[in-house]
All heavy atoms as atom14 arrays in JSON, in Angstrom:
{
  "sequence": "RQAGLTDEVELEVQQDRIVIHPAHRSRQGWDEQFRLMAEQGDDRLL",
  "atom14_mask": [
    [1, 1, 1, 1, 1, 1, 1, 1, 1, 1, 1, 0, 0, 0],
    [1, 1, 1, 1, 1, 1, 1, 1, 1, 0, 0, 0, 0, 0],
    [1, 1, 1, 1, 1, 0, 0, 0, 0, 0, 0, 0, 0, 0],
    [1, 1, 1, 1, 0, 0, 0, 0, 0, 0, 0, 0, 0, 0],
    [1, 1, 1, 1, 1, 1, 1, 1, 0, 0, 0, 0, 0, 0],
    [1, 1, 1, 1, 1, 1, 1, 0, 0, 0, 0, 0, 0, 0],
    [1, 1, 1, 1, 1, 1, 1, 1, 0, 0, 0, 0, 0, 0],
    [1, 1, 1, 1, 1, 1, 1, 1, 1, 0, 0, 0, 0, 0],
    [1, 1, 1, 1, 1, 1, 1, 0, 0, 0, 0, 0, 0, 0],
    [1, 1, 1, 1, 1, 1, 1, 1, 1, 0, 0, 0, 0, 0],
    [1, 1, 1, 1, 1, 1, 1, 1, 0, 0, 0, 0, 0, 0],
    [1, 1, 1, 1, 1, 1, 1, 1, 1, 0, 0, 0, 0, 0],
    [1, 1, 1, 1, 1, 1, 1, 0, 0, 0, 0, 0, 0, 0],
    [1, 1, 1, 1, 1, 1, 1, 1, 1, 0, 0, 0, 0, 0],
    [1, 1, 1, 1, 1, 1, 1, 1, 1, 0, 0, 0, 0, 0],
    [1, 1, 1, 1, 1, 1, 1, 1, 0, 0, 0, 0, 0, 0],
    [1, 1, 1, 1, 1, 1, 1, 1, 1, 1, 1, 0, 0, 0],
    [1, 1, 1, 1, 1, 1, 1, 1, 0, 0, 0, 0, 0, 0],
    [1, 1, 1, 1, 1, 1, 1, 0, 0, 0, 0, 0, 0, 0],
    [1, 1, 1, 1, 1, 1, 1, 1, 0, 0, 0, 0, 0, 0],
    [1, 1, 1, 1, 1, 1, 1, 1, 1, 1, 0, 0, 0, 0],
    [1, 1, 1, 1, 1, 1, 1, 0, 0, 0, 0, 0, 0, 0],
    [1, 1, 1, 1, 1, 0, 0, 0, 0, 0, 0, 0, 0, 0],
    [1, 1, 1, 1, 1, 1, 1, 1, 1, 1, 0, 0, 0, 0],
    [1, 1, 1, 1, 1, 1, 1, 1, 1, 1, 1, 0, 0, 0],
    [1, 1, 1, 1, 1, 1, 0, 0, 0, 0, 0, 0, 0, 0],
    [1, 1, 1, 1, 1, 1, 1, 1, 1, 1, 1, 0, 0, 0],
    [1, 1, 1, 1, 1, 1, 1, 1, 1, 0, 0, 0, 0, 0],
    [1, 1, 1, 1, 0, 0, 0, 0, 0, 0, 0, 0, 0, 0],
    [1, 1, 1, 1, 1, 1, 1, 1, 1, 1, 1, 1, 1, 1],
    [1, 1, 1, 1, 1, 1, 1, 1, 0, 0, 0, 0, 0, 0],
    [1, 1, 1, 1, 1, 1, 1, 1, 1, 0, 0, 0, 0, 0],
    [1, 1, 1, 1, 1, 1, 1, 1, 1, 0, 0, 0, 0, 0],
    [1, 1, 1, 1, 1, 1, 1, 1, 1, 1, 1, 0, 0, 0],
    [1, 1, 1, 1, 1, 1, 1, 1, 1, 1, 1, 0, 0, 0],
    [1, 1, 1, 1, 1, 1, 1, 1, 0, 0, 0, 0, 0, 0],
    [1, 1, 1, 1, 1, 1, 1, 1, 0, 0, 0, 0, 0, 0],
    [1, 1, 1, 1, 1, 0, 0, 0, 0, 0, 0, 0, 0, 0],
    [1, 1, 1, 1, 1, 1, 1, 1, 1, 0, 0, 0, 0, 0],
    [1, 1, 1, 1, 1, 1, 1, 1, 1, 0, 0, 0, 0, 0],
    [1, 1, 1, 1, 0, 0, 0, 0, 0, 0, 0, 0, 0, 0],
    [1, 1, 1, 1, 1, 1, 1, 1, 0, 0, 0, 0, 0, 0],
    [1, 1, 1, 1, 1, 1, 1, 1, 0, 0, 0, 0, 0, 0],
    [1, 1, 1, 1, 1, 1, 1, 1, 1, 1, 1, 0, 0, 0],
    [1, 1, 1, 1, 1, 1, 1, 1, 0, 0, 0, 0, 0, 0],
    [1, 1, 1, 1, 1, 1, 1, 1, 0, 0, 0, 0, 0, 0]
  ],
  "atom14_positions": [
    [[-2.87, 18.5, 3.54], [-2.15, 17.99, 4.72], [-3.01, 17.16, 5.63], [-2.72, 16.04, 6.09], [-1.57, 19.19, 5.5], [-0.35, 18.83, 6.39], [0.34, 20.0, 7.1], [-0.36, 21.29, 7.04], [-0.01, 22.41, 6.36], [1.11, 22.31, 5.61], [-0.7, 23.53, 6.41], [0.0, 0.0, 0.0], [0.0, 0.0, 0.0], [0.0, 0.0, 0.0]],
    [[-4.23, 17.67, 5.83], [-5.19, 16.9, 6.64], [-5.52, 15.54, 6.06], [-5.67, 14.54, 6.79], [-6.48, 17.74, 6.74], [-6.83, 18.36, 8.02], [-8.2, 19.05, 8.0], [-8.5, 19.74, 7.12], [-8.94, 18.7, 9.0], [0.0, 0.0, 0.0], [0.0, 0.0, 0.0], [0.0, 0.0, 0.0], [0.0, 0.0, 0.0], [0.0, 0.0, 0.0]],
    [[-5.65, 15.41, 4.69], [-5.96, 14.14, 4.07], [-4.8, 13.28, 3.87], [-4.94, 12.18, 3.35], [-6.72, 14.49, 2.77], [0.0, 0.0, 0.0], [0.0, 0.0, 0.0], [0.0, 0.0, 0.0], [0.0, 0.0, 0.0], [0.0, 0.0, 0.0], [0.0, 0.0, 0.0], [0.0, 0.0, 0.0], [0.0, 0.0, 0.0], [0.0, 0.0, 0.0]],
    [[-3.56, 13.76, 4.16], [-2.36, 12.99, 3.97], [-1.98, 12.76, 2.45], [-1.45, 11.81, 2.09], [0.0, 0.0, 0.0], [0.0, 0.0, 0.0], [0.0, 0.0, 0.0], [0.0, 0.0, 0.0], [0.0, 0.0, 0.0], [0.0, 0.0, 0.0], [0.0, 0.0, 0.0], [0.0, 0.0, 0.0], [0.0, 0.0, 0.0], [0.0, 0.0, 0.0]],
    [[-2.39, 13.79, 1.69], [-2.22, 13.7, 0.21], [-0.88, 14.32, -0.14], [-0.58, 15.39, 0.33], [-3.28, 14.27, -0.64], [-4.65, 13.78, -0.38], [-5.75, 14.6, -1.12], [-4.7, 12.32, -0.8], [0.0, 0.0, 0.0], [0.0, 0.0, 0.0], [0.0, 0.0, 0.0], [0.0, 0.0, 0.0], [0.0, 0.0, 0.0], [0.0, 0.0, 0.0]],
    [[-0.02, 13.67, -0.98], [1.21, 14.28, -1.2], [1.44, 14.36, -2.76], [0.61, 15.03, -3.38], [2.45, 13.37, -0.68], [2.25, 12.09, -1.1], [2.44, 13.54, 0.85], [0.0, 0.0, 0.0], [0.0, 0.0, 0.0], [0.0, 0.0, 0.0], [0.0, 0.0, 0.0], [0.0, 0.0, 0.0], [0.0, 0.0, 0.0], [0.0, 0.0, 0.0]],
    [[2.36, 13.72, -3.36], [2.73, 13.94, -4.76], [1.7, 13.17, -5.72], [1.41, 13.8, -6.78], [4.14, 13.43, -5.06], [5.13, 14.27, -4.29], [4.88, 15.36, -3.99], [6.27, 13.74, -4.16], [0.0, 0.0, 0.0], [0.0, 0.0, 0.0], [0.0, 0.0, 0.0], [0.0, 0.0, 0.0], [0.0, 0.0, 0.0], [0.0, 0.0, 0.0]],
    [[1.24, 11.94, -5.31], [0.48, 11.3, -6.29], [-0.79, 10.74, -5.62], [-0.78, 10.38, -4.45], [1.26, 10.01, -6.81], [0.69, 9.39, -8.01], [1.61, 8.4, -8.66], [2.81, 8.55, -8.55], [1.07, 7.38, -9.11], [0.0, 0.0, 0.0], [0.0, 0.0, 0.0], [0.0, 0.0, 0.0], [0.0, 0.0, 0.0], [0.0, 0.0, 0.0]],
    [[-1.9, 10.89, -6.33], [-3.18, 10.41, -5.81], [-3.86, 9.4, -6.67], [-3.47, 9.38, -7.91], [-4.13, 11.62, -5.48], [-3.53, 12.53, -4.45], [-4.38, 12.4, -6.72], [0.0, 0.0, 0.0], [0.0, 0.0, 0.0], [0.0, 0.0, 0.0], [0.0, 0.0, 0.0], [0.0, 0.0, 0.0], [0.0, 0.0, 0.0], [0.0, 0.0, 0.0]],
    [[-4.88, 8.75, -6.22], [-5.77, 7.88, -7.01], [-7.18, 8.59, -6.87], [-7.54, 8.99, -5.9], [-5.81, 6.45, -6.48], [-4.5, 5.8, -6.54], [-4.54, 4.39, -5.89], [-5.5, 4.07, -5.15], [-3.49, 3.73, -5.98], [0.0, 0.0, 0.0], [0.0, 0.0, 0.0], [0.0, 0.0, 0.0], [0.0, 0.0, 0.0], [0.0, 0.0, 0.0]],
    [[-7.87, 8.57, -8.17], [-9.05, 9.24, -8.27], [-10.14, 8.09, -8.63], [-9.85, 7.13, -9.33], [-9.16, 10.2, -9.37], [-8.12, 11.38, -9.26], [-8.21, 12.18, -10.5], [-8.52, 12.27, -8.01], [0.0, 0.0, 0.0], [0.0, 0.0, 0.0], [0.0, 0.0, 0.0], [0.0, 0.0, 0.0], [0.0, 0.0, 0.0], [0.0, 0.0, 0.0]],
    [[-11.38, 8.18, -7.98], [-12.41, 7.28, -8.46], [-13.72, 8.07, -8.26], [-13.82, 8.95, -7.51], [-12.4, 5.98, -7.63], [-12.76, 6.17, -6.22], [-12.86, 4.81, -5.46], [-13.53, 3.93, -5.96], [-12.27, 4.67, -4.4], [0.0, 0.0, 0.0], [0.0, 0.0, 0.0], [0.0, 0.0, 0.0], [0.0, 0.0, 0.0], [0.0, 0.0, 0.0]],
    [[-14.7, 7.56, -9.09], [-16.06, 8.19, -8.98], [-16.9, 7.22, -8.17], [-16.98, 6.02, -8.45], [-16.65, 8.47, -10.33], [-18.02, 8.88, -10.35], [-15.77, 9.34, -11.15], [0.0, 0.0, 0.0], [0.0, 0.0, 0.0], [0.0, 0.0, 0.0], [0.0, 0.0, 0.0], [0.0, 0.0, 0.0], [0.0, 0.0, 0.0], [0.0, 0.0, 0.0]],
    [[-17.55, 7.75, -7.12], [-18.51, 6.99, -6.39], [-19.8, 7.75, -6.4], [-19.9, 8.84, -5.87], [-18.01, 6.9, -4.96], [-16.84, 5.91, -4.76], [-16.36, 5.88, -3.24], [-16.97, 6.43, -2.35], [-15.32, 5.11, -2.97], [0.0, 0.0, 0.0], [0.0, 0.0, 0.0], [0.0, 0.0, 0.0], [0.0, 0.0, 0.0], [0.0, 0.0, 0.0]],
    [[-20.74, 7.2, -7.16], [-22.08, 7.8, -7.32], [-21.79, 9.13, -8.0], [-21.34, 9.26, -9.15], [-22.94, 7.84, -6.07], [-23.17, 6.52, -5.57], [-23.95, 6.54, -4.21], [-24.16, 7.48, -3.59], [-24.37, 5.3, -3.84], [0.0, 0.0, 0.0], [0.0, 0.0, 0.0], [0.0, 0.0, 0.0], [0.0, 0.0, 0.0], [0.0, 0.0, 0.0]],
    [[-22.22, 10.27, -7.32], [-21.95, 11.6, -7.9], [-20.82, 12.36, -7.36], [-20.78, 13.54, -7.38], [-23.29, 12.42, -7.8], [-23.64, 12.6, -6.26], [-23.04, 11.97, -5.43], [-24.44, 13.57, -5.95], [0.0, 0.0, 0.0], [0.0, 0.0, 0.0], [0.0, 0.0, 0.0], [0.0, 0.0, 0.0], [0.0, 0.0, 0.0], [0.0, 0.0, 0.0]],
    [[-19.78, 11.69, -6.87], [-18.65, 12.23, -6.21], [-17.44, 11.8, -6.79], [-17.26, 10.59, -7.17], [-18.59, 11.89, -4.72], [-19.92, 12.27, -3.96], [-19.94, 11.8, -2.55], [-21.26, 11.87, -2.02], [-21.65, 12.83, -1.32], [-21.03, 13.94, -1.2], [-22.93, 12.91, -0.89], [0.0, 0.0, 0.0], [0.0, 0.0, 0.0], [0.0, 0.0, 0.0]],
    [[-16.38, 12.63, -6.76], [-14.98, 12.25, -7.19], [-14.29, 12.13, -5.82], [-14.17, 12.97, -5.0], [-14.36, 13.35, -8.01], [-15.03, 13.46, -9.36], [-12.85, 12.98, -8.27], [-14.55, 14.64, -10.21], [0.0, 0.0, 0.0], [0.0, 0.0, 0.0], [0.0, 0.0, 0.0], [0.0, 0.0, 0.0], [0.0, 0.0, 0.0], [0.0, 0.0, 0.0]],
    [[-13.77, 10.93, -5.64], [-13.06, 10.72, -4.32], [-11.6, 10.55, -4.66], [-11.14, 9.87, -5.59], [-13.54, 9.22, -3.78], [-12.87, 8.93, -2.43], [-15.06, 9.34, -3.56], [0.0, 0.0, 0.0], [0.0, 0.0, 0.0], [0.0, 0.0, 0.0], [0.0, 0.0, 0.0], [0.0, 0.0, 0.0], [0.0, 0.0, 0.0], [0.0, 0.0, 0.0]],
    [[-10.75, 11.17, -3.87], [-9.3, 11.31, -3.97], [-8.63, 10.5, -2.79], [-9.07, 10.73, -1.73], [-8.83, 12.76, -3.95], [-9.54, 13.57, -5.04], [-7.35, 12.76, -4.12], [-9.27, 15.06, -4.96], [0.0, 0.0, 0.0], [0.0, 0.0, 0.0], [0.0, 0.0, 0.0], [0.0, 0.0, 0.0], [0.0, 0.0, 0.0], [0.0, 0.0, 0.0]],
    [[-7.82, 9.54, -3.19], [-7.09, 8.7, -2.21], [-5.6, 8.96, -2.29], [-5.19, 9.11, -3.46], [-7.32, 7.28, -2.48], [-8.71, 6.77, -2.34], [-9.4, 6.53, -1.1], [-9.62, 6.58, -3.22], [-10.59, 6.13, -1.41], [-10.81, 6.16, -2.68], [0.0, 0.0, 0.0], [0.0, 0.0, 0.0], [0.0, 0.0, 0.0], [0.0, 0.0, 0.0]],
    [[-4.85, 8.86, -1.24], [-3.43, 8.77, -1.38], [-3.04, 7.53, -2.32], [-3.63, 6.5, -2.17], [-2.81, 8.52, -0.02], [-3.91, 8.87, 0.95], [-5.25, 8.6, 0.11], [0.0, 0.0, 0.0], [0.0, 0.0, 0.0], [0.0, 0.0, 0.0], [0.0, 0.0, 0.0], [0.0, 0.0, 0.0], [0.0, 0.0, 0.0], [0.0, 0.0, 0.0]],
    [[-2.1, 7.69, -3.25], [-1.74, 6.6, -4.06], [-0.93, 5.63, -3.3], [-0.07, 5.97, -2.4], [-0.8, 7.16, -5.16], [0.0, 0.0, 0.0], [0.0, 0.0, 0.0], [0.0, 0.0, 0.0], [0.0, 0.0, 0.0], [0.0, 0.0, 0.0], [0.0, 0.0, 0.0], [0.0, 0.0, 0.0], [0.0, 0.0, 0.0], [0.0, 0.0, 0.0]],
    [[-1.26, 4.4, -3.45], [-0.56, 3.28, -2.73], [0.63, 2.79, -3.58], [0.54, 2.68, -4.82], [-1.49, 2.08, -2.58], [-2.69, 2.43, -1.66], [-2.49, 2.64, -0.3], [-3.93, 2.64, -1.94], [-3.78, 2.86, 0.21], [-4.6, 2.88, -0.73], [0.0, 0.0, 0.0], [0.0, 0.0, 0.0], [0.0, 0.0, 0.0], [0.0, 0.0, 0.0]],
    [[1.83, 2.75, -2.9], [2.94, 2.31, -3.57], [2.92, 0.74, -3.76], [2.51, 0.04, -2.9], [4.22, 2.66, -2.75], [4.48, 4.05, -2.68], [5.76, 4.41, -2.07], [6.4, 3.27, -1.32], [6.88, 3.25, -0.13], [6.67, 4.36, 0.61], [7.36, 2.17, 0.42], [0.0, 0.0, 0.0], [0.0, 0.0, 0.0], [0.0, 0.0, 0.0]],
    [[3.32, 0.32, -4.96], [3.42, -1.08, -5.27], [4.45, -1.67, -4.21], [5.43, -1.02, -3.99], [3.87, -1.35, -6.64], [2.91, -0.86, -7.55], [0.0, 0.0, 0.0], [0.0, 0.0, 0.0], [0.0, 0.0, 0.0], [0.0, 0.0, 0.0], [0.0, 0.0, 0.0], [0.0, 0.0, 0.0], [0.0, 0.0, 0.0], [0.0, 0.0, 0.0]],
    [[4.14, -2.83, -3.83], [5.01, -3.58, -2.88], [5.21, -2.86, -1.52], [6.16, -3.1, -0.82], [6.35, -3.89, -3.57], [6.16, -4.65, -4.85], [7.51, -4.85, -5.54], [7.29, -5.57, -6.82], [7.12, -4.96, -7.97], [7.09, -3.63, -8.03], [6.97, -5.62, -9.07], [0.0, 0.0, 0.0], [0.0, 0.0, 0.0], [0.0, 0.0, 0.0]],
    [[4.35, -2.02, -1.18], [4.43, -1.29, 0.12], [4.32, -2.34, 1.24], [3.47, -3.17, 1.26], [3.35, -0.28, 0.24], [3.48, 0.55, 1.48], [2.43, 1.73, 1.49], [1.66, 1.86, 0.52], [2.51, 2.54, 2.57], [0.0, 0.0, 0.0], [0.0, 0.0, 0.0], [0.0, 0.0, 0.0], [0.0, 0.0, 0.0], [0.0, 0.0, 0.0]],
    [[5.29, -2.37, 2.17], [5.2, -3.24, 3.3], [5.86, -4.6, 3.03], [5.96, -5.41, 3.86], [0.0, 0.0, 0.0], [0.0, 0.0, 0.0], [0.0, 0.0, 0.0], [0.0, 0.0, 0.0], [0.0, 0.0, 0.0], [0.0, 0.0, 0.0], [0.0, 0.0, 0.0], [0.0, 0.0, 0.0], [0.0, 0.0, 0.0], [0.0, 0.0, 0.0]],
    [[6.41, -4.8, 1.82], [6.98, -6.14, 1.47], [8.16, -6.43, 2.27], [8.42, -7.6, 2.63], [7.26, -6.28, -0.01], [6.02, -6.49, -0.85], [4.72, -6.26, -0.57], [6.01, -7.1, -2.11], [3.9, -6.67, -1.62], [4.72, -7.2, -2.63], [7.02, -7.6, -2.95], [4.35, -7.74, -3.8], [6.67, -8.16, -4.19], [5.31, -8.22, -4.64]],
    [[9.07, -5.46, 2.48], [10.28, -5.63, 3.25], [9.99, -6.17, 4.71], [10.64, -7.21, 5.09], [11.11, -4.36, 3.34], [11.72, -3.91, 2.12], [11.9, -4.77, 1.25], [12.09, -2.72, 2.0], [0.0, 0.0, 0.0], [0.0, 0.0, 0.0], [0.0, 0.0, 0.0], [0.0, 0.0, 0.0], [0.0, 0.0, 0.0], [0.0, 0.0, 0.0]],
    [[9.0, -5.63, 5.3], [8.69, -6.11, 6.59], [8.08, -7.55, 6.55], [8.41, -8.38, 7.5], [7.58, -5.15, 7.26], [7.04, -5.54, 8.6], [8.09, -5.57, 9.7], [9.25, -5.05, 9.49], [7.86, -6.09, 10.76], [0.0, 0.0, 0.0], [0.0, 0.0, 0.0], [0.0, 0.0, 0.0], [0.0, 0.0, 0.0], [0.0, 0.0, 0.0]],
    [[7.26, -7.88, 5.57], [6.69, -9.13, 5.47], [7.72, -10.19, 5.15], [7.79, -11.27, 5.74], [5.59, -9.21, 4.32], [4.41, -8.45, 4.66], [3.74, -8.92, 5.96], [3.56, -10.14, 6.16], [3.4, -8.0, 6.83], [0.0, 0.0, 0.0], [0.0, 0.0, 0.0], [0.0, 0.0, 0.0], [0.0, 0.0, 0.0], [0.0, 0.0, 0.0]],
    [[8.74, -9.77, 4.29], [9.86, -10.81, 4.08], [10.63, -11.07, 5.32], [11.11, -12.11, 5.62], [10.72, -10.24, 2.93], [10.2, -10.29, 1.65], [10.31, -9.22, 0.73], [9.46, -11.44, 1.19], [9.75, -9.33, -0.55], [8.87, -11.42, -0.09], [9.05, -10.43, -0.95], [0.0, 0.0, 0.0], [0.0, 0.0, 0.0], [0.0, 0.0, 0.0]],
    [[10.89, -9.94, 6.1], [11.66, -10.11, 7.34], [10.88, -10.99, 8.3], [11.49, -11.95, 8.98], [11.86, -8.7, 8.08], [12.69, -8.76, 9.27], [12.79, -7.37, 9.93], [11.56, -7.02, 10.55], [11.0, -7.59, 11.62], [11.59, -8.56, 12.16], [9.81, -7.15, 12.05], [0.0, 0.0, 0.0], [0.0, 0.0, 0.0], [0.0, 0.0, 0.0]],
    [[9.59, -10.85, 8.46], [8.8, -11.81, 9.35], [8.85, -13.27, 8.81], [8.9, -14.12, 9.69], [7.36, -11.25, 9.44], [7.12, -10.0, 10.12], [5.66, -9.47, 9.95], [7.55, -10.09, 11.6], [0.0, 0.0, 0.0], [0.0, 0.0, 0.0], [0.0, 0.0, 0.0], [0.0, 0.0, 0.0], [0.0, 0.0, 0.0], [0.0, 0.0, 0.0]],
    [[8.8, -13.38, 7.48], [8.83, -14.79, 6.93], [10.17, -15.44, 7.26], [10.21, -16.59, 7.71], [8.67, -14.7, 5.37], [7.26, -14.46, 5.01], [7.15, -14.23, 3.21], [7.75, -15.74, 2.64], [0.0, 0.0, 0.0], [0.0, 0.0, 0.0], [0.0, 0.0, 0.0], [0.0, 0.0, 0.0], [0.0, 0.0, 0.0], [0.0, 0.0, 0.0]],
    [[11.25, -14.67, 7.22], [12.58, -15.26, 7.52], [12.7, -15.62, 8.96], [13.2, -16.63, 9.39], [13.67, -14.18, 7.11], [0.0, 0.0, 0.0], [0.0, 0.0, 0.0], [0.0, 0.0, 0.0], [0.0, 0.0, 0.0], [0.0, 0.0, 0.0], [0.0, 0.0, 0.0], [0.0, 0.0, 0.0], [0.0, 0.0, 0.0], [0.0, 0.0, 0.0]],
    [[12.17, -14.75, 9.86], [12.15, -15.01, 11.31], [11.41, -16.31, 11.6], [11.74, -17.03, 12.53], [11.53, -13.77, 12.08], [12.46, -12.66, 12.22], [11.69, -11.52, 13.02], [10.69, -11.67, 13.43], [12.32, -10.43, 13.05], [0.0, 0.0, 0.0], [0.0, 0.0, 0.0], [0.0, 0.0, 0.0], [0.0, 0.0, 0.0], [0.0, 0.0, 0.0]],
    [[10.29, -16.5, 10.9], [9.49, -17.74, 11.25], [9.95, -18.94, 10.42], [9.31, -19.97, 10.47], [8.03, -17.41, 10.87], [7.48, -16.26, 11.73], [6.2, -15.82, 11.29], [5.59, -16.36, 10.36], [5.62, -14.69, 11.95], [0.0, 0.0, 0.0], [0.0, 0.0, 0.0], [0.0, 0.0, 0.0], [0.0, 0.0, 0.0], [0.0, 0.0, 0.0]],
    [[10.99, -18.78, 9.62], [11.48, -19.88, 8.82], [10.59, -20.25, 7.65], [10.6, -21.37, 7.18], [0.0, 0.0, 0.0], [0.0, 0.0, 0.0], [0.0, 0.0, 0.0], [0.0, 0.0, 0.0], [0.0, 0.0, 0.0], [0.0, 0.0, 0.0], [0.0, 0.0, 0.0], [0.0, 0.0, 0.0], [0.0, 0.0, 0.0], [0.0, 0.0, 0.0]],
    [[9.79, -19.27, 7.24], [8.75, -19.56, 6.13], [9.29, -19.04, 4.87], [8.4, -18.67, 4.01], [7.45, -18.81, 6.58], [6.3, -19.44, 5.85], [6.35, -20.51, 5.28], [5.26, -18.63, 5.83], [0.0, 0.0, 0.0], [0.0, 0.0, 0.0], [0.0, 0.0, 0.0], [0.0, 0.0, 0.0], [0.0, 0.0, 0.0], [0.0, 0.0, 0.0]],
    [[10.55, -18.95, 4.69], [11.07, -18.45, 3.48], [11.9, -19.41, 2.69], [12.83, -19.03, 1.89], [11.97, -17.09, 3.7], [13.18, -17.43, 4.65], [13.13, -18.4, 5.31], [14.07, -16.52, 4.55], [0.0, 0.0, 0.0], [0.0, 0.0, 0.0], [0.0, 0.0, 0.0], [0.0, 0.0, 0.0], [0.0, 0.0, 0.0], [0.0, 0.0, 0.0]],
    [[11.6, -20.66, 2.89], [12.35, -21.69, 2.22], [11.55, -22.33, 0.97], [10.37, -22.23, 1.03], [12.64, -22.91, 3.19], [13.57, -22.47, 4.34], [13.84, -23.59, 5.25], [14.82, -23.16, 6.27], [14.42, -22.59, 7.39], [13.18, -22.31, 7.58], [15.27, -22.19, 8.36], [0.0, 0.0, 0.0], [0.0, 0.0, 0.0], [0.0, 0.0, 0.0]],
    [[12.3, -22.87, 0.05], [11.67, -23.44, -1.12], [10.82, -24.76, -0.63], [11.32, -25.44, 0.15], [12.71, -23.84, -2.11], [13.31, -22.7, -2.84], [14.41, -23.28, -3.78], [12.42, -21.85, -3.64], [0.0, 0.0, 0.0], [0.0, 0.0, 0.0], [0.0, 0.0, 0.0], [0.0, 0.0, 0.0], [0.0, 0.0, 0.0], [0.0, 0.0, 0.0]],
    [[9.72, -24.93, -1.28], [8.99, -26.04, -0.95], [9.31, -27.33, -1.69], [9.19, -28.46, -1.28], [7.39, -25.73, -1.14], [6.85, -24.63, -0.29], [5.44, -24.38, -0.72], [6.95, -24.98, 1.15], [0.0, 0.0, 0.0], [0.0, 0.0, 0.0], [0.0, 0.0, 0.0], [0.0, 0.0, 0.0], [0.0, 0.0, 0.0], [0.0, 0.0, 0.0]]
  ]
}
């Protein structure tokens, strides 16, 4: 709970340690970025 770890994690070795990170979802935050692009008119074909 303290580390914010839930169902899926990413593991990596750093020197002599195993580091556990929360798994990042693919495309996380894309909806917000698309909304901002549309607001700024930056979502048109070039």
